[in-house]
Every structure is written in structure tokens, then in C-alpha cells.
């Protein structure tokens, strides 16, 4: 499944162009800080397998005011490199590749 172009941003990682997207409005559980923030990445020219990254931070737009770090390009690049080393093939069609970096996420009470 390809990313929606609206709201996606271009990022270059090791000479390859990708598009990344963070959902602007959090899902209910993300807004309540009950589940961590996620973002998606795909190859810009030949979208194939989408990378879905689960972070260890709450969504930056959570409704309860829990502090969260922004999803920075450096973090996206690090996630792309890690996913590639774990077998993500970005230009080949297929199901989404999930990269779970949520270790250390604590639920909001």
C-alpha cells in the first residue's frame, strides 16, 4: 500500500530518496498516550514495501499534554538503515515491514 502524498516529506538516506509520513492527527490510543507514535516510509521513485516504524515516544500531538520528542529526519534515517539491515526491501512489492522500536514506552496513567 502506497503512502498518501499529501503530508509526506522527502528524505534522502545514503543517496536513496524516500518519502516519510507521520499521521498529523493521532489515532485515539495515540492521542491518549496509550500507544506509541508510528510513522511510515517508502521508496520515493518505486514505492513497494512500506516501512512502518513504531517509536518509543508518544505522538507529538497527544491530547493529554504528555511530552514527546519530535520525529526528526535523523531518527527516520536511523530507522531506515536499521530496517534495511533487518531485511526490508523497499522497492519490492509486498506487505508492510514493521520495525518495532517501542521498548521503553510507558503508558500514560
PDB file of N, CA and C in Angstrom:
ATOM      1  N   UNK A   1       0.843  -1.170   0.000  1.00  0.00           N
ATOM      2  CA  UNK A   1       0.000   0.000   0.000  1.00  0.00           C
ATOM      3  C   UNK A   1       0.889   1.234   0.000  1.00  0.00           C
ATOM      4  N   UNK A   2       0.654   2.132  -0.902  1.00  0.00           N
ATOM      5  CA  UNK A   2       1.479   3.332  -1.046  1.00  0.00           C
ATOM      6  C   UNK A   2       1.057   4.410  -0.052  1.00  0.00           C
ATOM      7  N   UNK A   3       2.014   5.244   0.306  1.00  0.00           N
ATOM      8  CA  UNK A   3       1.731   6.372   1.191  1.00  0.00           C
ATOM      9  C   UNK A   3       0.929   7.436   0.457  1.00  0.00           C
ATOM     10  N   UNK A   4       0.114   8.133   1.190  1.00  0.00           N
ATOM     11  CA  UNK A   4      -0.592   9.286   0.639  1.00  0.00           C
ATOM     12  C   UNK A   4       0.447  10.389   0.441  1.00  0.00           C
ATOM     13  N   UNK A   5       0.469  11.000  -0.715  1.00  0.00           N
ATOM     14  CA  UNK A   5       1.474  12.039  -0.977  1.00  0.00           C
ATOM     15  C   UNK A   5       1.235  13.287  -0.134  1.00  0.00           C
ATOM     16  N   UNK A   6      -0.025  13.628   0.092  1.00  0.00           N
ATOM     17  CA  UNK A   6      -0.319  14.816   0.884  1.00  0.00           C
ATOM     18  C   UNK A   6       0.184  14.604   2.310  1.00  0.00           C
ATOM     19  N   UNK A   7       1.006  15.505   2.762  1.00  0.00           N
ATOM     20  CA  UNK A   7       1.538  15.426   4.115  1.00  0.00           C
ATOM     21  C   UNK A   7       2.817  14.628   4.242  1.00  0.00           C
ATOM     22  N   UNK A   8       3.278  14.019   3.149  1.00  0.00           N
ATOM     23  CA  UNK A   8       4.531  13.266   3.239  1.00  0.00           C
ATOM     24  C   UNK A   8       5.706  14.198   2.955  1.00  0.00           C
ATOM     25  N   UNK A   9       6.847  13.834   3.475  1.00  0.00           N
ATOM     26  CA  UNK A   9       8.057  14.631   3.289  1.00  0.00           C
ATOM     27  C   UNK A   9       9.149  13.791   2.681  1.00  0.00           C
ATOM     28  N   UNK A  10       9.977  14.435   1.907  1.00  0.00           N
ATOM     29  CA  UNK A  10      11.085  13.772   1.225  1.00  0.00           C
ATOM     30  C   UNK A  10      12.274  13.692   2.169  1.00  0.00           C
ATOM     31  N   UNK A  11      12.977  12.575   2.120  1.00  0.00           N
ATOM     32  CA  UNK A  11      14.192  12.410   2.908  1.00  0.00           C
ATOM     33  C   UNK A  11      15.164  11.568   2.080  1.00  0.00           C
ATOM     34  N   UNK A  12      16.428  11.932   2.127  1.00  0.00           N
ATOM     35  CA  UNK A  12      17.465  11.186   1.419  1.00  0.00           C
ATOM     36  C   UNK A  12      18.319  10.469   2.457  1.00  0.00           C
ATOM     37  N   UNK A  13      18.417   9.151   2.314  1.00  0.00           N
ATOM     38  CA  UNK A  13      19.210   8.329   3.228  1.00  0.00           C
ATOM     39  C   UNK A  13      20.227   7.564   2.396  1.00  0.00           C
ATOM     40  N   UNK A  14      21.487   7.850   2.618  1.00  0.00           N
ATOM     41  CA  UNK A  14      22.588   7.188   1.911  1.00  0.00           C
ATOM     42  C   UNK A  14      22.405   7.222   0.393  1.00  0.00           C
ATOM     43  N   UNK A  15      21.962   8.376  -0.113  1.00  0.00           N
ATOM     44  CA  UNK A  15      21.823   8.575  -1.551  1.00  0.00           C
ATOM     45  C   UNK A  15      20.517   8.088  -2.155  1.00  0.00           C
ATOM     46  N   UNK A  16      19.654   7.468  -1.376  1.00  0.00           N
ATOM     47  CA  UNK A  16      18.363   6.985  -1.867  1.00  0.00           C
ATOM     48  C   UNK A  16      17.259   7.895  -1.352  1.00  0.00           C
ATOM     49  N   UNK A  17      16.336   8.247  -2.244  1.00  0.00           N
ATOM     50  CA  UNK A  17      15.247   9.160  -1.882  1.00  0.00           C
ATOM     51  C   UNK A  17      14.045   8.363  -1.389  1.00  0.00           C
ATOM     52  N   UNK A  18      13.543   8.743  -0.222  1.00  0.00           N
ATOM     53  CA  UNK A  18      12.364   8.129   0.383  1.00  0.00           C
ATOM     54  C   UNK A  18      11.333   9.215   0.664  1.00  0.00           C
ATOM     55  N   UNK A  19      10.119   8.773   0.960  1.00  0.00           N
ATOM     56  CA  UNK A  19       9.094   9.674   1.478  1.00  0.00           C
ATOM     57  C   UNK A  19       8.687   9.137   2.843  1.00  0.00           C
ATOM     58  N   UNK A  20       8.490  10.046   3.786  1.00  0.00           N
ATOM     59  CA  UNK A  20       8.082   9.648   5.130  1.00  0.00           C
ATOM     60  C   UNK A  20       6.809  10.386   5.491  1.00  0.00           C
ATOM     61  N   UNK A  21       6.017   9.782   6.338  1.00  0.00           N
ATOM     62  CA  UNK A  21       4.773  10.433   6.741  1.00  0.00           C
ATOM     63  C   UNK A  21       4.433  10.056   8.171  1.00  0.00           C
ATOM     64  N   UNK A  22       4.121  11.076   8.933  1.00  0.00           N
ATOM     65  CA  UNK A  22       3.639  10.926  10.298  1.00  0.00           C
ATOM     66  C   UNK A  22       2.189  11.396  10.291  1.00  0.00           C
ATOM     67  N   UNK A  23       1.320  10.603  10.832  1.00  0.00           N
ATOM     68  CA  UNK A  23      -0.085  10.991  10.886  1.00  0.00           C
ATOM     69  C   UNK A  23      -0.223  12.286  11.669  1.00  0.00           C
ATOM     70  N   UNK A  24      -0.855  13.290  11.065  1.00  0.00           N
ATOM     71  CA  UNK A  24      -0.993  14.599  11.703  1.00  0.00           C
ATOM     72  C   UNK A  24      -1.862  14.565  12.942  1.00  0.00           C
ATOM     73  N   UNK A  25      -3.020  13.950  12.813  1.00  0.00           N
ATOM     74  CA  UNK A  25      -3.911  13.790  13.956  1.00  0.00           C
ATOM     75  C   UNK A  25      -3.720  12.376  14.497  1.00  0.00           C
ATOM     76  N   UNK A  26      -3.426  12.266  15.761  1.00  0.00           N
ATOM     77  CA  UNK A  26      -3.171  10.929  16.304  1.00  0.00           C
ATOM     78  C   UNK A  26      -4.442  10.083  16.346  1.00  0.00           C
ATOM     79  N   UNK A  27      -4.269   8.767  16.247  1.00  0.00           N
ATOM     80  CA  UNK A  27      -5.382   7.848  16.474  1.00  0.00           C
ATOM     81  C   UNK A  27      -5.765   7.955  17.957  1.00  0.00           C
ATOM     82  N   UNK A  28      -6.935   7.446  18.321  1.00  0.00           N
ATOM     83  CA  UNK A  28      -7.434   7.610  19.683  1.00  0.00           C
ATOM     84  C   UNK A  28      -6.432   7.145  20.744  1.00  0.00           C
ATOM     85  N   UNK A  29      -5.902   5.944  20.579  1.00  0.00           N
ATOM     86  CA  UNK A  29      -4.963   5.415  21.576  1.00  0.00           C
ATOM     87  C   UNK A  29      -3.657   6.203  21.593  1.00  0.00           C
ATOM     88  N   UNK A  30      -3.236   6.749  20.455  1.00  0.00           N
ATOM     89  CA  UNK A  30      -2.038   7.591  20.422  1.00  0.00           C
ATOM     90  C   UNK A  30      -2.334   8.947  21.060  1.00  0.00           C
ATOM     91  N   UNK A  31      -3.501   9.492  20.808  1.00  0.00           N
ATOM     92  CA  UNK A  31      -3.887  10.774  21.404  1.00  0.00           C
ATOM     93  C   UNK A  31      -3.983  10.700  22.914  1.00  0.00           C
ATOM     94  N   UNK A  32      -4.390   9.543  23.412  1.00  0.00           N
ATOM     95  CA  UNK A  32      -4.484   9.329  24.855  1.00  0.00           C
ATOM     96  C   UNK A  32      -3.151   8.895  25.461  1.00  0.00           C
ATOM     97  N   UNK A  33      -2.127   8.765  24.625  1.00  0.00           N
ATOM     98  CA  UNK A  33      -0.786   8.320  25.026  1.00  0.00           C
ATOM     99  C   UNK A  33      -0.809   6.910  25.594  1.00  0.00           C
ATOM    100  N   UNK A  34      -1.725   6.080  25.096  1.00  0.00           N
ATOM    101  CA  UNK A  34      -1.785   4.675  25.491  1.00  0.00           C
ATOM    102  C   UNK A  34      -0.981   3.812  24.529  1.00  0.00           C
ATOM    103  N   UNK A  35      -0.674   4.320  23.346  1.00  0.00           N
ATOM    104  CA  UNK A  35       0.160   3.576  22.407  1.00  0.00           C
ATOM    105  C   UNK A  35       1.165   4.550  21.793  1.00  0.00           C
ATOM    106  N   UNK A  36       2.307   4.041  21.365  1.00  0.00           N
ATOM    107  CA  UNK A  36       3.374   4.918  20.867  1.00  0.00           C
ATOM    108  C   UNK A  36       3.097   5.467  19.469  1.00  0.00           C
ATOM    109  N   UNK A  37       3.857   6.468  19.131  1.00  0.00           N
ATOM    110  CA  UNK A  37       3.786   7.122  17.826  1.00  0.00           C
ATOM    111  C   UNK A  37       4.343   6.189  16.753  1.00  0.00           C
ATOM    112  N   UNK A  38       3.746   6.221  15.575  1.00  0.00           N
ATOM    113  CA  UNK A  38       4.246   5.455  14.441  1.00  0.00           C
ATOM    114  C   UNK A  38       4.398   6.377  13.240  1.00  0.00           C
ATOM    115  N   UNK A  39       5.287   6.007  12.348  1.00  0.00           N
ATOM    116  CA  UNK A  39       5.401   6.733  11.081  1.00  0.00           C
ATOM    117  C   UNK A  39       5.718   5.722   9.985  1.00  0.00           C
ATOM    118  N   UNK A  40       5.501   6.141   8.743  1.00  0.00           N
ATOM    119  CA  UNK A  40       5.707   5.250   7.608  1.00  0.00           C
ATOM    120  C   UNK A  40       6.722   5.840   6.648  1.00  0.00           C
ATOM    121  N   UNK A  41       7.449   4.959   5.962  1.00  0.00           N
ATOM    122  CA  UNK A  41       8.480   5.360   5.000  1.00  0.00           C
ATOM    123  C   UNK A  41       8.343   4.464   3.773  1.00  0.00           C
ATOM    124  N   UNK A  42       8.546   5.038   2.593  1.00  0.00           N
ATOM    125  CA  UNK A  42       8.586   4.237   1.375  1.00  0.00           C
ATOM    126  C   UNK A  42       9.568   4.842   0.393  1.00  0.00           C
ATOM    127  N   UNK A  43      10.028   4.034  -0.552  1.00  0.00           N
ATOM    128  CA  UNK A  43      10.922   4.486  -1.613  1.00  0.00           C
ATOM    129  C   UNK A  43      10.154   5.507  -2.446  1.00  0.00           C
ATOM    130  N   UNK A  44      10.764   6.642  -2.772  1.00  0.00           N
ATOM    131  CA  UNK A  44      10.061   7.723  -3.458  1.00  0.00           C
ATOM    132  C   UNK A  44       9.754   7.421  -4.918  1.00  0.00           C
ATOM    133  N   UNK A  45      10.684   6.775  -5.619  1.00  0.00           N
ATOM    134  CA  UNK A  45      10.509   6.561  -7.056  1.00  0.00           C
ATOM    135  C   UNK A  45       9.730   5.298  -7.389  1.00  0.00           C
ATOM    136  N   UNK A  46       9.998   4.230  -6.707  1.00  0.00           N
ATOM    137  CA  UNK A  46       9.320   2.961  -6.967  1.00  0.00           C
ATOM    138  C   UNK A  46       8.755   2.416  -5.663  1.00  0.00           C
ATOM    139  N   UNK A  47       7.602   2.959  -5.235  1.00  0.00           N
ATOM    140  CA  UNK A  47       7.029   2.503  -3.966  1.00  0.00           C
ATOM    141  C   UNK A  47       6.724   1.007  -4.011  1.00  0.00           C
ATOM    142  N   UNK A  48       7.194   0.317  -3.028  1.00  0.00           N
ATOM    143  CA  UNK A  48       6.958  -1.114  -2.923  1.00  0.00           C
ATOM    144  C   UNK A  48       6.498  -1.433  -1.524  1.00  0.00           C
ATOM    145  N   UNK A  49       7.338  -2.096  -0.771  1.00  0.00           N
ATOM    146  CA  UNK A  49       7.033  -2.462   0.601  1.00  0.00           C
ATOM    147  C   UNK A  49       7.179  -1.237   1.500  1.00  0.00           C
ATOM    148  N   UNK A  50       6.128  -0.900   2.209  1.00  0.00           N
ATOM    149  CA  UNK A  50       6.146   0.245   3.118  1.00  0.00           C
ATOM    150  C   UNK A  50       6.766  -0.162   4.447  1.00  0.00           C
ATOM    151  N   UNK A  51       7.585   0.709   4.990  1.00  0.00           N
ATOM    152  CA  UNK A  51       8.178   0.510   6.306  1.00  0.00           C
ATOM    153  C   UNK A  51       7.311   1.229   7.326  1.00  0.00           C
ATOM    154  N   UNK A  52       6.859   0.521   8.355  1.00  0.00           N
ATOM    155  CA  UNK A  52       6.074   1.118   9.436  1.00  0.00           C
ATOM    156  C   UNK A  52       6.915   1.028  10.698  1.00  0.00           C
ATOM    157  N   UNK A  53       7.253   2.178  11.266  1.00  0.00           N
ATOM    158  CA  UNK A  53       8.125   2.239  12.437  1.00  0.00           C
ATOM    159  C   UNK A  53       7.307   2.643  13.665  1.00  0.00           C
ATOM    160  N   UNK A  54       7.392   1.842  14.703  1.00  0.00           N
ATOM    161  CA  UNK A  54       6.763   2.156  15.984  1.00  0.00           C
ATOM    162  C   UNK A  54       7.857   2.690  16.893  1.00  0.00           C
ATOM    163  N   UNK A  55       7.705   3.930  17.334  1.00  0.00           N
ATOM    164  CA  UNK A  55       8.731   4.574  18.153  1.00  0.00           C
ATOM    165  C   UNK A  55       8.510   4.277  19.643  1.00  0.00           C
ATOM    166  N   UNK A  56       9.391   4.795  20.470  1.00  0.00           N
ATOM    167  CA  UNK A  56       9.236   4.654  21.922  1.00  0.00           C
ATOM    168  C   UNK A  56       8.714   5.942  22.559  1.00  0.00           C
ATOM    169  N   UNK A  57       8.132   6.813  21.740  1.00  0.00           N
ATOM    170  CA  UNK A  57       7.628   8.107  22.200  1.00  0.00           C
ATOM    171  C   UNK A  57       6.118   8.202  21.983  1.00  0.00           C
ATOM    172  N   UNK A  58       5.418   9.003  22.787  1.00  0.00           N
ATOM    173  CA  UNK A  58       4.011   9.265  22.477  1.00  0.00           C
ATOM    174  C   UNK A  58       3.919  10.161  21.239  1.00  0.00           C
ATOM    175  N   UNK A  59       2.755  10.200  20.618  1.00  0.00           N
ATOM    176  CA  UNK A  59       2.557  11.070  19.446  1.00  0.00           C
ATOM    177  C   UNK A  59       2.750  12.519  19.890  1.00  0.00           C
ATOM    178  N   UNK A  60       3.454  13.334  19.091  1.00  0.00           N
ATOM    179  CA  UNK A  60       3.692  14.730  19.472  1.00  0.00           C
ATOM    180  C   UNK A  60       2.415  15.539  19.683  1.00  0.00           C
ATOM    181  N   UNK A  61       1.308  15.129  19.064  1.00  0.00           N
ATOM    182  CA  UNK A  61       0.040  15.851  19.207  1.00  0.00           C
ATOM    183  C   UNK A  61      -0.922  15.135  20.151  1.00  0.00           C
ATOM    184  N   UNK A  62      -0.390  14.432  21.158  1.00  0.00           N
ATOM    185  CA  UNK A  62      -1.293  13.735  22.079  1.00  0.00           C
ATOM    186  C   UNK A  62      -2.124  14.759  22.844  1.00  0.00           C
ATOM    187  N   UNK A  63      -3.308  14.328  23.272  1.00  0.00           N
ATOM    188  CA  UNK A  63      -4.288  15.242  23.847  1.00  0.00           C
ATOM    189  C   UNK A  63      -4.072  15.531  25.314  1.00  0.00           C
ATOM    190  N   UNK A  64      -3.272  14.742  25.990  1.00  0.00           N
ATOM    191  CA  UNK A  64      -3.149  14.921  27.436  1.00  0.00           C
ATOM    192  C   UNK A  64      -1.929  15.743  27.816  1.00  0.00           C
ATOM    193  N   UNK A  65      -1.193  16.191  26.819  1.00  0.00           N
ATOM    194  CA  UNK A  65      -0.050  17.051  27.083  1.00  0.00           C
ATOM    195  C   UNK A  65       1.209  16.333  27.508  1.00  0.00           C
ATOM    196  N   UNK A  66       1.269  15.054  27.259  1.00  0.00           N
ATOM    197  CA  UNK A  66       2.479  14.304  27.613  1.00  0.00           C
ATOM    198  C   UNK A  66       3.617  14.735  26.693  1.00  0.00           C
ATOM    199  N   UNK A  67       4.756  15.009  27.272  1.00  0.00           N
ATOM    200  CA  UNK A  67       5.901  15.458  26.469  1.00  0.00           C
ATOM    201  C   UNK A  67       6.355  14.362  25.522  1.00  0.00           C
ATOM    202  N   UNK A  68       6.668  14.783  24.305  1.00  0.00           N
ATOM    203  CA  UNK A  68       7.129  13.837  23.287  1.00  0.00           C
ATOM    204  C   UNK A  68       8.198  14.513  22.450  1.00  0.00           C
ATOM    205  N   UNK A  69       9.147  13.721  22.025  1.00  0.00           N
ATOM    206  CA  UNK A  69      10.176  14.243  21.132  1.00  0.00           C
ATOM    207  C   UNK A  69       9.636  14.225  19.704  1.00  0.00           C
ATOM    208  N   UNK A  70      10.033  15.201  18.918  1.00  0.00           N
ATOM    209  CA  UNK A  70       9.619  15.259  17.523  1.00  0.00           C
ATOM    210  C   UNK A  70      10.272  14.120  16.743  1.00  0.00           C
ATOM    211  N   UNK A  71       9.611  13.696  15.670  1.00  0.00           N
ATOM    212  CA  UNK A  71      10.189  12.690  14.785  1.00  0.00           C
ATOM    213  C   UNK A  71      11.117  13.445  13.831  1.00  0.00           C
ATOM    214  N   UNK A  72      12.407  13.366  14.098  1.00  0.00           N
ATOM    215  CA  UNK A  72      13.406  14.107  13.331  1.00  0.00           C
ATOM    216  C   UNK A  72      13.903  13.300  12.142  1.00  0.00           C
ATOM    217  N   UNK A  73      14.367  13.987  11.094  1.00  0.00           N
ATOM    218  CA  UNK A  73      14.934  13.278   9.948  1.00  0.00           C
ATOM    219  C   UNK A  73      16.067  12.321  10.340  1.00  0.00           C
ATOM    220  N   UNK A  74      16.858  12.680  11.335  1.00  0.00           N
ATOM    221  CA  UNK A  74      17.946  11.792  11.766  1.00  0.00           C
ATOM    222  C   UNK A  74      17.396  10.491  12.340  1.00  0.00           C
ATOM    223  N   UNK A  75      16.286  10.558  13.051  1.00  0.00           N
ATOM    224  CA  UNK A  75      15.648   9.358  13.584  1.00  0.00           C
ATOM    225  C   UNK A  75      15.044   8.496  12.490  1.00  0.00           C
ATOM    226  N   UNK A  76      14.460   9.158  11.491  1.00  0.00           N
ATOM    227  CA  UNK A  76      13.895   8.432  10.350  1.00  0.00           C
ATOM    228  C   UNK A  76      15.019   7.727   9.588  1.00  0.00           C
ATOM    229  N   UNK A  77      16.121   8.430   9.348  1.00  0.00           N
ATOM    230  CA  UNK A  77      17.259   7.849   8.631  1.00  0.00           C
ATOM    231  C   UNK A  77      17.815   6.649   9.392  1.00  0.00           C
ATOM    232  N   UNK A  78      17.927   6.758  10.710  1.00  0.00           N
ATOM    233  CA  UNK A  78      18.427   5.641  11.518  1.00  0.00           C
ATOM    234  C   UNK A  78      17.481   4.443  11.424  1.00  0.00           C
ATOM    235  N   UNK A  79      16.176   4.696  11.440  1.00  0.00           N
ATOM    236  CA  UNK A  79      15.197   3.616  11.324  1.00  0.00           C
ATOM    237  C   UNK A  79      15.278   2.947   9.952  1.00  0.00           C
ATOM    238  N   UNK A  80      15.468   3.738   8.898  1.00  0.00           N
ATOM    239  CA  UNK A  80      15.593   3.188   7.547  1.00  0.00           C
ATOM    240  C   UNK A  80      16.832   2.291   7.462  1.00  0.00           C
ATOM    241  N   UNK A  81      17.946   2.766   7.985  1.00  0.00           N
ATOM    242  CA  UNK A  81      19.181   1.953   7.954  1.00  0.00           C
ATOM    243  C   UNK A  81      19.010   0.641   8.720  1.00  0.00           C
ATOM    244  N   UNK A  82      18.377   0.720   9.887  1.00  0.00           N
ATOM    245  CA  UNK A  82      18.148  -0.479  10.691  1.00  0.00           C
ATOM    246  C   UNK A  82      17.216  -1.447   9.960  1.00  0.00           C
ATOM    247  N   UNK A  83      16.144  -0.933   9.362  1.00  0.00           N
ATOM    248  CA  UNK A  83      15.205  -1.789   8.634  1.00  0.00           C
ATOM    249  C   UNK A  83      15.880  -2.452   7.445  1.00  0.00           C
ATOM    250  N   UNK A  84      16.713  -1.717   6.733  1.00  0.00           N
ATOM    251  CA  UNK A  84      17.442  -2.296   5.601  1.00  0.00           C
ATOM    252  C   UNK A  84      18.359  -3.427   6.065  1.00  0.00           C
ATOM    253  N   UNK A  85      19.011  -3.229   7.215  1.00  0.00           N
ATOM    254  CA  UNK A  85      19.899  -4.274   7.736  1.00  0.00           C
ATOM    255  C   UNK A  85      19.117  -5.495   8.226  1.00  0.00           C
ATOM    256  N   UNK A  86      17.832  -5.292   8.562  1.00  0.00           N
ATOM    257  CA  UNK A  86      16.994  -6.395   9.031  1.00  0.00           C
ATOM    258  C   UNK A  86      16.182  -7.036   7.911  1.00  0.00           C
ATOM    259  N   UNK A  87      16.396  -6.583   6.667  1.00  0.00           N
ATOM    260  CA  UNK A  87      15.765  -7.265   5.547  1.00  0.00           C
ATOM    261  C   UNK A  87      14.666  -6.533   4.812  1.00  0.00           C
ATOM    262  N   UNK A  88      14.435  -5.272   5.111  1.00  0.00           N
ATOM    263  CA  UNK A  88      13.416  -4.513   4.380  1.00  0.00           C
ATOM    264  C   UNK A  88      13.875  -4.308   2.946  1.00  0.00           C
ATOM    265  N   UNK A  89      13.044  -4.690   1.983  1.00  0.00           N
ATOM    266  CA  UNK A  89      13.338  -4.478   0.567  1.00  0.00           C
ATOM    267  C   UNK A  89      12.350  -3.443   0.053  1.00  0.00           C
ATOM    268  N   UNK A  90      12.769  -2.193   0.055  1.00  0.00           N
ATOM    269  CA  UNK A  90      11.886  -1.052  -0.168  1.00  0.00           C
ATOM    270  C   UNK A  90      11.272  -0.973  -1.549  1.00  0.00           C
ATOM    271  N   UNK A  91      11.902  -1.481  -2.578  1.00  0.00           N
ATOM    272  CA  UNK A  91      11.387  -1.330  -3.941  1.00  0.00           C
ATOM    273  C   UNK A  91      10.623  -2.565  -4.423  1.00  0.00           C
ATOM    274  N   UNK A  92      10.509  -3.589  -3.594  1.00  0.00           N
ATOM    275  CA  UNK A  92       9.809  -4.810  -3.974  1.00  0.00           C
ATOM    276  C   UNK A  92       8.410  -4.785  -3.367  1.00  0.00           C
ATOM    277  N   UNK A  93       7.360  -5.027  -4.166  1.00  0.00           N
ATOM    278  CA  UNK A  93       6.002  -5.029  -3.615  1.00  0.00           C
ATOM    279  C   UNK A  93       5.838  -6.101  -2.541  1.00  0.00           C
ATOM    280  N   UNK A  94       4.994  -5.811  -1.588  1.00  0.00           N
ATOM    281  CA  UNK A  94       4.731  -6.775  -0.526  1.00  0.00           C
ATOM    282  C   UNK A  94       4.043  -6.122   0.650  1.00  0.00           C
ATOM    283  N   UNK A  95       3.779  -6.906   1.668  1.00  0.00           N
ATOM    284  CA  UNK A  95       3.153  -6.404   2.886  1.00  0.00           C
ATOM    285  C   UNK A  95       4.090  -5.430   3.586  1.00  0.00           C
ATOM    286  N   UNK A  96       3.512  -4.624   4.448  1.00  0.00           N
ATOM    287  CA  UNK A  96       4.310  -3.652   5.190  1.00  0.00           C
ATOM    288  C   UNK A  96       5.351  -4.361   6.047  1.00  0.00           C
ATOM    289  N   UNK A  97       6.514  -3.739   6.167  1.00  0.00           N
ATOM    290  CA  UNK A  97       7.597  -4.225   7.015  1.00  0.00           C
ATOM    291  C   UNK A  97       7.517  -3.435   8.318  1.00  0.00           C
ATOM    292  N   UNK A  98       7.331  -4.118   9.430  1.00  0.00           N
ATOM    293  CA  UNK A  98       7.177  -3.449  10.724  1.00  0.00           C
ATOM    294  C   UNK A  98       8.491  -3.461  11.491  1.00  0.00           C
ATOM    295  N   UNK A  99       8.886  -2.285  11.929  1.00  0.00           N
ATOM    296  CA  UNK A  99      10.087  -2.128  12.755  1.00  0.00           C
ATOM    297  C   UNK A  99       9.623  -1.604  14.105  1.00  0.00           C
ATOM    298  N   UNK A 100       9.755  -2.413  15.136  1.00  0.00           N
ATOM    299  CA  UNK A 100       9.272  -2.058  16.462  1.00  0.00           C
ATOM    300  C   UNK A 100      10.420  -1.552  17.318  1.00  0.00           C
ATOM    301  N   UNK A 101      10.409  -0.257  17.586  1.00  0.00           N
ATOM    302  CA  UNK A 101      11.406   0.365  18.462  1.00  0.00           C
ATOM    303  C   UNK A 101      10.738   0.901  19.723  1.00  0.00           C
ATOM    304  N   UNK A 102       9.642   0.250  20.146  1.00  0.00           N
ATOM    305  CA  UNK A 102       8.847   0.772  21.239  1.00  0.00           C
ATOM    306  C   UNK A 102       9.315   0.330  22.624  1.00  0.00           C
ATOM    307  N   UNK A 103      10.418  -0.395  22.698  1.00  0.00           N
ATOM    308  CA  UNK A 103      10.940  -0.796  24.011  1.00  0.00           C
ATOM    309  C   UNK A 103      11.204   0.456  24.840  1.00  0.00           C
ATOM    310  N   UNK A 104      10.693   0.491  26.026  1.00  0.00           N
ATOM    311  CA  UNK A 104      10.875   1.660  26.884  1.00  0.00           C
ATOM    312  C   UNK A 104       9.687   2.593  26.892  1.00  0.00           C
ATOM    313  N   UNK A 105       8.688   2.347  26.029  1.00  0.00           N
ATOM    314  CA  UNK A 105       7.484   3.189  26.038  1.00  0.00           C
ATOM    315  C   UNK A 105       6.679   2.889  27.285  1.00  0.00           C
ATOM    316  N   UNK A 106       6.280   3.923  28.004  1.00  0.00           N
ATOM    317  CA  UNK A 106       5.462   3.741  29.181  1.00  0.00           C
ATOM    318  C   UNK A 106       4.094   4.335  28.944  1.00  0.00           C
ATOM    319  N   UNK A 107       3.074   3.622  29.389  1.00  0.00           N
ATOM    320  CA  UNK A 107       1.692   4.073  29.224  1.00  0.00           C
ATOM    321  C   UNK A 107       1.430   5.290  30.094  1.00  0.00           C
ATOM    322  N   UNK A 108       0.518   6.117  29.613  1.00  0.00           N
ATOM    323  CA  UNK A 108       0.083   7.257  30.404  1.00  0.00           C
ATOM    324  C   UNK A 108      -0.961   6.790  31.402  1.00  0.00           C
ATOM    325  N   UNK A 109      -0.927   7.322  32.594  1.00  0.00           N
ATOM    326  CA  UNK A 109      -1.916   6.932  33.601  1.00  0.00           C
ATOM    327  C   UNK A 109      -2.864   8.053  33.881  1.00  0.00           C
TER     328      UNK A 109
END
